[in-house]
Amino acid sequence: MVAGKPVVSPTLVGRHDELAALVAVVTDVPAVVCVEGEAGVGKTRLVSELLGRPEVAGREVLYRRQRPASQRSLTPACPTAAAAAGNPANGPGATGP
């Protein structure tokens, strides 16, 4: 930390294989990717790098950050999954079962 702020490298370090794998998956549409891991391992940074890649530019992306398990409901991703499947009637903001 410098002056109370985390130090962030402008260059992605040590995740080139993971980034290449993500690019390969998301450019073969349709694609659904779940990036998971312990807090602080760089999931958000990895996805941010992915979204900045030219291979992904112009593609429709549905991005969701998940709360810790202790703070979420039993069906946290259902509206997101429905929207990704192209069913806006069951997507975010929908009502009913």
C-alpha atoms as a PDB file:
ATOM      1  CA  MET A   1       0.000   0.000   0.000  1.00  0.00           C
ATOM      2  CA  VAL A   2       1.125   3.500  -0.756  1.00  0.00           C
ATOM      3  CA  ALA A   3      -0.542   6.338   1.137  1.00  0.00           C
ATOM      4  CA  GLY A   4      -3.349   3.971   2.168  1.00  0.00           C
ATOM      5  CA  LYS A   5      -4.133   2.886  -1.407  1.00  0.00           C
ATOM      6  CA  PRO A   6      -3.375  -0.531  -2.921  1.00  0.00           C
ATOM      7  CA  VAL A   7      -0.627  -0.591  -5.515  1.00  0.00           C
ATOM      8  CA  VAL A   8      -1.973  -1.781  -8.871  1.00  0.00           C
ATOM      9  CA  SER A   9       0.347  -2.718 -11.701  1.00  0.00           C
ATOM     10  CA  PRO A  10      -0.571  -1.186 -15.062  1.00  0.00           C
ATOM     11  CA  THR A  11       0.558  -4.489 -16.605  1.00  0.00           C
ATOM     12  CA  LEU A  12      -1.215  -7.780 -15.990  1.00  0.00           C
ATOM     13  CA  VAL A  13       1.290 -10.006 -14.202  1.00  0.00           C
ATOM     14  CA  GLY A  14       1.255 -13.798 -14.207  1.00  0.00           C
ATOM     15  CA  ARG A  15      -2.235 -14.310 -15.670  1.00  0.00           C
ATOM     16  CA  HIS A  16      -1.490 -14.459 -19.397  1.00  0.00           C
ATOM     17  CA  ASP A  17      -2.482 -18.131 -19.731  1.00  0.00           C
ATOM     18  CA  GLU A  18      -5.768 -17.536 -17.921  1.00  0.00           C
ATOM     19  CA  LEU A  19      -6.491 -14.456 -20.033  1.00  0.00           C
ATOM     20  CA  ALA A  20      -5.754 -16.348 -23.258  1.00  0.00           C
ATOM     21  CA  ALA A  21      -8.101 -19.145 -22.151  1.00  0.00           C
ATOM     22  CA  LEU A  22     -10.883 -16.650 -21.393  1.00  0.00           C
ATOM     23  CA  VAL A  23     -10.429 -14.920 -24.761  1.00  0.00           C
ATOM     24  CA  ALA A  24     -10.635 -18.298 -26.528  1.00  0.00           C
ATOM     25  CA  VAL A  25     -13.854 -19.188 -24.706  1.00  0.00           C
ATOM     26  CA  VAL A  26     -15.704 -15.889 -25.112  1.00  0.00           C
ATOM     27  CA  THR A  27     -14.869 -15.503 -28.792  1.00  0.00           C
ATOM     28  CA  ASP A  28     -16.563 -18.848 -29.527  1.00  0.00           C
ATOM     29  CA  VAL A  29     -20.137 -17.593 -29.131  1.00  0.00           C
ATOM     30  CA  PRO A  30     -22.440 -18.200 -27.459  1.00  0.00           C
ATOM     31  CA  ALA A  31     -20.358 -18.378 -24.322  1.00  0.00           C
ATOM     32  CA  VAL A  32     -20.955 -18.318 -20.597  1.00  0.00           C
ATOM     33  CA  VAL A  33     -17.994 -17.912 -18.275  1.00  0.00           C
ATOM     34  CA  CYS A  34     -17.854 -18.022 -14.505  1.00  0.00           C
ATOM     35  CA  VAL A  35     -14.681 -16.716 -12.878  1.00  0.00           C
ATOM     36  CA  GLU A  36     -14.433 -17.712  -9.255  1.00  0.00           C
ATOM     37  CA  GLY A  37     -11.793 -17.767  -6.563  1.00  0.00           C
ATOM     38  CA  GLU A  38     -10.831 -16.511  -3.156  1.00  0.00           C
ATOM     39  CA  ALA A  39     -11.096 -12.819  -2.344  1.00  0.00           C
ATOM     40  CA  GLY A  40      -8.156 -10.785  -3.567  1.00  0.00           C
ATOM     41  CA  VAL A  41      -6.772 -13.212  -6.157  1.00  0.00           C
ATOM     42  CA  GLY A  42      -7.470 -10.896  -9.090  1.00  0.00           C
ATOM     43  CA  LYS A  43     -10.791 -12.033 -10.548  1.00  0.00           C
ATOM     44  CA  THR A  44     -12.040  -8.505 -11.210  1.00  0.00           C
ATOM     45  CA  ARG A  45      -8.703  -7.477 -12.729  1.00  0.00           C
ATOM     46  CA  LEU A  46      -8.677 -10.544 -14.989  1.00  0.00           C
ATOM     47  CA  VAL A  47     -12.203  -9.853 -16.253  1.00  0.00           C
ATOM     48  CA  SER A  48     -11.366  -6.157 -16.708  1.00  0.00           C
ATOM     49  CA  GLU A  49      -8.395  -7.137 -18.850  1.00  0.00           C
ATOM     50  CA  LEU A  50     -10.609  -9.518 -20.824  1.00  0.00           C
ATOM     51  CA  LEU A  51     -13.190  -6.818 -21.509  1.00  0.00           C
ATOM     52  CA  GLY A  52     -10.438  -4.499 -22.744  1.00  0.00           C
ATOM     53  CA  ARG A  53      -9.201  -6.947 -25.383  1.00  0.00           C
ATOM     54  CA  PRO A  54      -9.889  -6.121 -29.049  1.00  0.00           C
ATOM     55  CA  GLU A  55     -11.252  -9.632 -29.614  1.00  0.00           C
ATOM     56  CA  VAL A  56     -14.078  -8.822 -27.211  1.00  0.00           C
ATOM     57  CA  ALA A  57     -14.742  -5.252 -28.401  1.00  0.00           C
ATOM     58  CA  GLY A  58     -18.237  -4.761 -29.774  1.00  0.00           C
ATOM     59  CA  ARG A  59     -19.596  -7.959 -28.272  1.00  0.00           C
ATOM     60  CA  GLU A  60     -22.600  -7.965 -25.989  1.00  0.00           C
ATOM     61  CA  VAL A  61     -21.441  -8.734 -22.469  1.00  0.00           C
ATOM     62  CA  LEU A  62     -23.493  -9.421 -19.396  1.00  0.00           C
ATOM     63  CA  TYR A  63     -21.281  -8.968 -16.339  1.00  0.00           C
ATOM     64  CA  ARG A  64     -22.261  -9.721 -12.791  1.00  0.00           C
ATOM     65  CA  ARG A  65     -20.368  -9.553  -9.525  1.00  0.00           C
ATOM     66  CA  GLN A  66     -21.520 -11.929  -6.828  1.00  0.00           C
ATOM     67  CA  ARG A  67     -21.783 -11.147  -3.141  1.00  0.00           C
ATOM     68  CA  PRO A  68     -20.131 -13.513  -0.654  1.00  0.00           C
ATOM     69  CA  ALA A  69     -22.122 -16.688   0.011  1.00  0.00           C
ATOM     70  CA  SER A  70     -23.113 -15.482   3.461  1.00  0.00           C
ATOM     71  CA  GLN A  71     -24.843 -12.436   1.909  1.00  0.00           C
ATOM     72  CA  ARG A  72     -26.725 -13.919  -1.056  1.00  0.00           C
ATOM     73  CA  SER A  73     -30.021 -15.629  -1.717  1.00  0.00           C
ATOM     74  CA  LEU A  74     -30.417 -19.242  -2.834  1.00  0.00           C
ATOM     75  CA  THR A  75     -31.020 -18.278  -6.490  1.00  0.00           C
ATOM     76  CA  PRO A  76     -28.692 -15.295  -7.064  1.00  0.00           C
ATOM     77  CA  ALA A  77     -27.907 -15.869 -10.717  1.00  0.00           C
ATOM     78  CA  CYS A  78     -31.342 -16.862 -12.079  1.00  0.00           C
ATOM     79  CA  PRO A  79     -32.257 -13.438 -13.537  1.00  0.00           C
ATOM     80  CA  THR A  80     -28.774 -13.059 -14.972  1.00  0.00           C
ATOM     81  CA  ALA A  81     -28.860 -16.530 -16.513  1.00  0.00           C
ATOM     82  CA  ALA A  82     -32.301 -15.872 -18.006  1.00  0.00           C
ATOM     83  CA  ALA A  83     -31.122 -12.620 -19.550  1.00  0.00           C
ATOM     84  CA  ALA A  84     -28.040 -14.360 -20.956  1.00  0.00           C
ATOM     85  CA  ALA A  85     -30.296 -17.002 -22.486  1.00  0.00           C
ATOM     86  CA  GLY A  86     -32.218 -14.266 -24.302  1.00  0.00           C
ATOM     87  CA  ASN A  87     -35.382 -14.436 -22.213  1.00  0.00           C
ATOM     88  CA  PRO A  88     -35.949 -10.873 -20.991  1.00  0.00           C
ATOM     89  CA  ALA A  89     -39.331 -11.851 -19.529  1.00  0.00           C
ATOM     90  CA  ASN A  90     -37.407 -13.763 -16.861  1.00  0.00           C
ATOM     91  CA  GLY A  91     -34.492 -11.337 -16.709  1.00  0.00           C
ATOM     92  CA  PRO A  92     -33.635  -8.505 -14.323  1.00  0.00           C
ATOM     93  CA  GLY A  93     -36.717  -6.680 -13.113  1.00  0.00           C
ATOM     94  CA  ALA A  94     -39.105  -9.543 -13.924  1.00  0.00           C
ATOM     95  CA  THR A  95     -41.731 -10.573 -11.419  1.00  0.00           C
ATOM     96  CA  GLY A  96     -43.235 -13.932 -10.674  1.00  0.00           C
ATOM     97  CA  PRO A  97     -41.784 -17.414 -10.109  1.00  0.00           C
END
